[in-house]
Amino acid sequence: MRYFHKLRNKFFCPTVNIDTLWSMVPQEVKDKATKDNAPVIDVTQFGYFKVLGKGLLPAGQPVVVKAKLISKTAEKKIKEAGGAVLLTA
């Protein structure tokens, strides 16, 4: 299929998997994290736009993930761990 005058910036979408999300959290925030106090991970601050569902999150540790796009499997795994997903513009 041809695409005349294709501007690549429309299709720019770096991705990150669930298994690397926990490594983005600073150590001091990991120490303070409890079931009632879930850390918030904004993946756009690290240069990623989409979260994919490969891997596992730490068991029993909920996390709130902010991203522009998220896959169905990633959302399912985050919610199973007790976390939440926030979509940003």
N, C-alpha and C. Protein backbone atom coordinates (compact mmCIF):
# COMPACT_ATOMS: atom_id res chain seq x y z
N MET A 1 0.83 -1.17 0.00
CA MET A 1 0.00 0.00 0.00
C MET A 1 0.89 1.24 0.00
N ARG A 2 0.55 2.16 -0.84
CA ARG A 2 1.33 3.40 -0.91
C ARG A 2 0.75 4.44 0.03
N TYR A 3 1.61 5.27 0.53
CA TYR A 3 1.21 6.36 1.42
C TYR A 3 1.99 7.57 0.95
N PHE A 4 1.32 8.46 0.24
CA PHE A 4 1.99 9.62 -0.31
C PHE A 4 2.25 10.66 0.78
N HIS A 5 3.44 11.20 0.77
CA HIS A 5 3.88 12.22 1.73
C HIS A 5 3.65 11.74 3.17
N LYS A 6 4.23 10.61 3.49
CA LYS A 6 4.10 10.03 4.82
C LYS A 6 4.97 10.79 5.80
N LEU A 7 4.34 11.37 6.80
CA LEU A 7 5.05 12.07 7.86
C LEU A 7 5.18 11.11 9.03
N ARG A 8 6.41 10.75 9.35
CA ARG A 8 6.65 9.71 10.35
C ARG A 8 6.29 10.13 11.77
N ASN A 9 6.19 11.41 12.05
CA ASN A 9 5.90 11.81 13.42
C ASN A 9 4.48 11.45 13.84
N LYS A 10 3.58 11.18 12.90
CA LYS A 10 2.23 10.72 13.26
C LYS A 10 2.26 9.31 13.82
N PHE A 11 3.25 8.52 13.42
CA PHE A 11 3.31 7.12 13.78
C PHE A 11 4.36 6.84 14.86
N PHE A 12 4.93 7.87 15.47
CA PHE A 12 5.95 7.71 16.50
C PHE A 12 5.29 7.22 17.78
N CYS A 13 5.63 6.02 18.22
CA CYS A 13 5.00 5.45 19.41
C CYS A 13 5.95 4.48 20.08
N PRO A 14 6.93 4.95 20.86
CA PRO A 14 7.82 4.04 21.58
C PRO A 14 7.04 3.27 22.64
N THR A 15 7.41 2.00 22.81
CA THR A 15 6.67 1.12 23.71
C THR A 15 7.54 0.63 24.86
N VAL A 16 6.89 0.23 25.92
CA VAL A 16 7.55 -0.36 27.09
C VAL A 16 6.68 -1.51 27.58
N ASN A 17 7.31 -2.56 28.09
CA ASN A 17 6.58 -3.71 28.61
C ASN A 17 6.37 -3.58 30.11
N ILE A 18 5.41 -4.36 30.61
CA ILE A 18 5.07 -4.33 32.03
C ILE A 18 6.25 -4.75 32.90
N ASP A 19 7.05 -5.70 32.43
CA ASP A 19 8.14 -6.21 33.27
C ASP A 19 9.20 -5.16 33.57
N THR A 20 9.28 -4.08 32.79
CA THR A 20 10.26 -3.02 33.06
C THR A 20 9.66 -1.82 33.79
N LEU A 21 8.37 -1.83 34.05
CA LEU A 21 7.73 -0.69 34.72
C LEU A 21 8.26 -0.49 36.14
N TRP A 22 8.43 -1.57 36.87
CA TRP A 22 8.83 -1.47 38.27
C TRP A 22 10.24 -0.92 38.41
N SER A 23 11.09 -1.11 37.39
CA SER A 23 12.45 -0.57 37.45
C SER A 23 12.48 0.95 37.24
N MET A 24 11.39 1.54 36.77
CA MET A 24 11.32 2.99 36.57
C MET A 24 11.04 3.73 37.87
N VAL A 25 10.59 3.01 38.88
CA VAL A 25 10.25 3.64 40.16
C VAL A 25 11.53 3.83 40.97
N PRO A 26 11.78 5.03 41.53
CA PRO A 26 12.96 5.24 42.38
C PRO A 26 12.91 4.37 43.64
N GLN A 27 14.07 4.07 44.17
CA GLN A 27 14.17 3.16 45.32
C GLN A 27 13.45 3.70 46.54
N GLU A 28 13.51 5.00 46.79
CA GLU A 28 12.85 5.57 47.97
C GLU A 28 11.33 5.45 47.87
N VAL A 29 10.80 5.52 46.67
CA VAL A 29 9.35 5.35 46.48
C VAL A 29 8.97 3.88 46.64
N LYS A 30 9.85 2.97 46.19
CA LYS A 30 9.59 1.54 46.37
C LYS A 30 9.52 1.17 47.85
N ASP A 31 10.38 1.78 48.66
CA ASP A 31 10.41 1.48 50.09
C ASP A 31 9.13 1.95 50.79
N LYS A 32 8.58 3.09 50.34
CA LYS A 32 7.38 3.65 50.96
C LYS A 32 6.09 3.01 50.44
N ALA A 33 6.17 2.26 49.35
CA ALA A 33 4.98 1.72 48.70
C ALA A 33 4.32 0.64 49.56
N THR A 34 3.01 0.76 49.72
CA THR A 34 2.20 -0.24 50.41
C THR A 34 0.97 -0.52 49.55
N LYS A 35 0.09 -1.38 50.05
CA LYS A 35 -1.14 -1.66 49.30
C LYS A 35 -2.04 -0.43 49.26
N ASP A 36 -2.00 0.39 50.31
CA ASP A 36 -2.83 1.59 50.36
C ASP A 36 -2.19 2.77 49.64
N ASN A 37 -0.87 2.75 49.52
CA ASN A 37 -0.12 3.85 48.91
C ASN A 37 0.59 3.33 47.66
N ALA A 38 -0.13 3.31 46.54
CA ALA A 38 0.43 2.78 45.30
C ALA A 38 1.24 3.86 44.59
N PRO A 39 2.43 3.54 44.09
CA PRO A 39 3.23 4.52 43.35
C PRO A 39 2.62 4.80 41.98
N VAL A 40 2.78 6.04 41.52
CA VAL A 40 2.29 6.46 40.21
C VAL A 40 3.48 6.48 39.24
N ILE A 41 3.35 5.76 38.13
CA ILE A 41 4.41 5.71 37.12
C ILE A 41 3.88 6.40 35.87
N ASP A 42 4.48 7.54 35.51
CA ASP A 42 4.13 8.24 34.28
C ASP A 42 5.18 7.86 33.24
N VAL A 43 4.82 6.98 32.31
CA VAL A 43 5.80 6.47 31.35
C VAL A 43 6.19 7.51 30.31
N THR A 44 5.38 8.56 30.13
CA THR A 44 5.74 9.60 29.16
C THR A 44 6.95 10.40 29.64
N GLN A 45 7.19 10.45 30.95
CA GLN A 45 8.38 11.12 31.47
C GLN A 45 9.66 10.38 31.09
N PHE A 46 9.53 9.07 30.83
CA PHE A 46 10.68 8.26 30.44
C PHE A 46 10.79 8.10 28.94
N GLY A 47 9.90 8.76 28.17
CA GLY A 47 9.98 8.74 26.72
C GLY A 47 9.18 7.63 26.05
N TYR A 48 8.27 7.00 26.77
CA TYR A 48 7.43 5.94 26.20
C TYR A 48 6.00 6.42 26.09
N PHE A 49 5.29 5.94 25.07
CA PHE A 49 3.90 6.33 24.89
C PHE A 49 2.94 5.18 25.14
N LYS A 50 3.36 3.95 24.82
CA LYS A 50 2.45 2.80 24.89
C LYS A 50 3.01 1.74 25.84
N VAL A 51 2.12 1.14 26.64
CA VAL A 51 2.49 0.08 27.57
C VAL A 51 1.95 -1.23 27.01
N LEU A 52 2.84 -2.22 26.87
CA LEU A 52 2.47 -3.53 26.37
C LEU A 52 2.46 -4.54 27.51
N GLY A 53 1.84 -5.71 27.29
CA GLY A 53 1.57 -6.64 28.37
C GLY A 53 2.54 -7.77 28.57
N LYS A 54 3.78 -7.67 28.10
CA LYS A 54 4.74 -8.76 28.30
C LYS A 54 5.31 -8.70 29.71
N GLY A 55 5.35 -9.83 30.39
CA GLY A 55 5.95 -9.89 31.71
C GLY A 55 4.92 -9.81 32.82
N LEU A 56 5.42 -9.70 34.04
CA LEU A 56 4.58 -9.66 35.23
C LEU A 56 4.97 -8.50 36.13
N LEU A 57 4.00 -8.02 36.89
CA LEU A 57 4.26 -7.02 37.91
C LEU A 57 4.57 -7.73 39.22
N PRO A 58 5.21 -7.06 40.18
CA PRO A 58 5.45 -7.68 41.49
C PRO A 58 4.13 -8.06 42.15
N ALA A 59 4.09 -9.24 42.71
CA ALA A 59 2.85 -9.75 43.31
C ALA A 59 2.49 -8.94 44.56
N GLY A 60 1.22 -8.59 44.67
CA GLY A 60 0.73 -7.90 45.85
C GLY A 60 1.08 -6.43 45.92
N GLN A 61 1.65 -5.87 44.87
CA GLN A 61 2.00 -4.45 44.89
C GLN A 61 1.22 -3.72 43.79
N PRO A 62 0.17 -3.00 44.15
CA PRO A 62 -0.57 -2.24 43.14
C PRO A 62 0.24 -1.05 42.65
N VAL A 63 -0.02 -0.64 41.43
CA VAL A 63 0.70 0.48 40.83
C VAL A 63 -0.27 1.22 39.91
N VAL A 64 -0.12 2.54 39.84
CA VAL A 64 -0.94 3.37 38.95
C VAL A 64 -0.06 3.76 37.77
N VAL A 65 -0.52 3.45 36.56
CA VAL A 65 0.26 3.70 35.35
C VAL A 65 -0.43 4.76 34.52
N LYS A 66 0.32 5.81 34.15
CA LYS A 66 -0.19 6.87 33.29
C LYS A 66 0.50 6.74 31.94
N ALA A 67 -0.29 6.59 30.86
CA ALA A 67 0.27 6.44 29.52
C ALA A 67 -0.72 6.97 28.49
N LYS A 68 -0.21 7.24 27.29
CA LYS A 68 -1.08 7.69 26.20
C LYS A 68 -1.88 6.53 25.62
N LEU A 69 -1.23 5.37 25.47
CA LEU A 69 -1.87 4.18 24.93
C LEU A 69 -1.53 2.99 25.80
N ILE A 70 -2.42 2.00 25.84
CA ILE A 70 -2.15 0.80 26.62
C ILE A 70 -2.86 -0.38 25.95
N SER A 71 -2.20 -1.53 25.97
CA SER A 71 -2.81 -2.71 25.35
C SER A 71 -3.80 -3.36 26.31
N LYS A 72 -4.66 -4.22 25.76
CA LYS A 72 -5.67 -4.88 26.58
C LYS A 72 -5.02 -5.80 27.62
N THR A 73 -3.98 -6.52 27.21
CA THR A 73 -3.34 -7.45 28.15
C THR A 73 -2.62 -6.70 29.27
N ALA A 74 -2.03 -5.56 28.94
CA ALA A 74 -1.35 -4.77 29.98
C ALA A 74 -2.37 -4.23 30.98
N GLU A 75 -3.48 -3.75 30.49
CA GLU A 75 -4.51 -3.23 31.39
C GLU A 75 -5.06 -4.34 32.28
N LYS A 76 -5.25 -5.52 31.73
CA LYS A 76 -5.75 -6.65 32.49
C LYS A 76 -4.79 -7.05 33.60
N LYS A 77 -3.48 -7.11 33.29
CA LYS A 77 -2.48 -7.51 34.28
C LYS A 77 -2.32 -6.47 35.38
N ILE A 78 -2.40 -5.19 35.02
CA ILE A 78 -2.27 -4.12 36.01
C ILE A 78 -3.46 -4.16 36.97
N LYS A 79 -4.66 -4.35 36.44
CA LYS A 79 -5.85 -4.38 37.29
C LYS A 79 -5.90 -5.64 38.13
N GLU A 80 -5.37 -6.76 37.64
CA GLU A 80 -5.30 -7.98 38.44
C GLU A 80 -4.38 -7.82 39.64
N ALA A 81 -3.34 -7.00 39.47
CA ALA A 81 -2.41 -6.74 40.57
C ALA A 81 -2.97 -5.71 41.56
N GLY A 82 -4.15 -5.16 41.26
CA GLY A 82 -4.77 -4.20 42.17
C GLY A 82 -4.49 -2.76 41.81
N GLY A 83 -3.88 -2.53 40.67
CA GLY A 83 -3.52 -1.18 40.25
C GLY A 83 -4.58 -0.54 39.39
N ALA A 84 -4.23 0.60 38.78
CA ALA A 84 -5.13 1.34 37.93
C ALA A 84 -4.39 1.89 36.73
N VAL A 85 -5.15 2.25 35.70
CA VAL A 85 -4.59 2.79 34.46
C VAL A 85 -5.23 4.15 34.22
N LEU A 86 -4.38 5.15 33.94
CA LEU A 86 -4.86 6.48 33.60
C LEU A 86 -4.35 6.81 32.20
N LEU A 87 -5.28 7.17 31.30
CA LEU A 87 -4.89 7.56 29.95
C LEU A 87 -4.69 9.08 29.93
N THR A 88 -3.60 9.50 29.28
CA THR A 88 -3.32 10.92 29.15
C THR A 88 -3.40 11.32 27.69
N ALA A 89 -3.53 12.60 27.45
CA ALA A 89 -3.65 13.08 26.07
C ALA A 89 -2.30 13.24 25.43
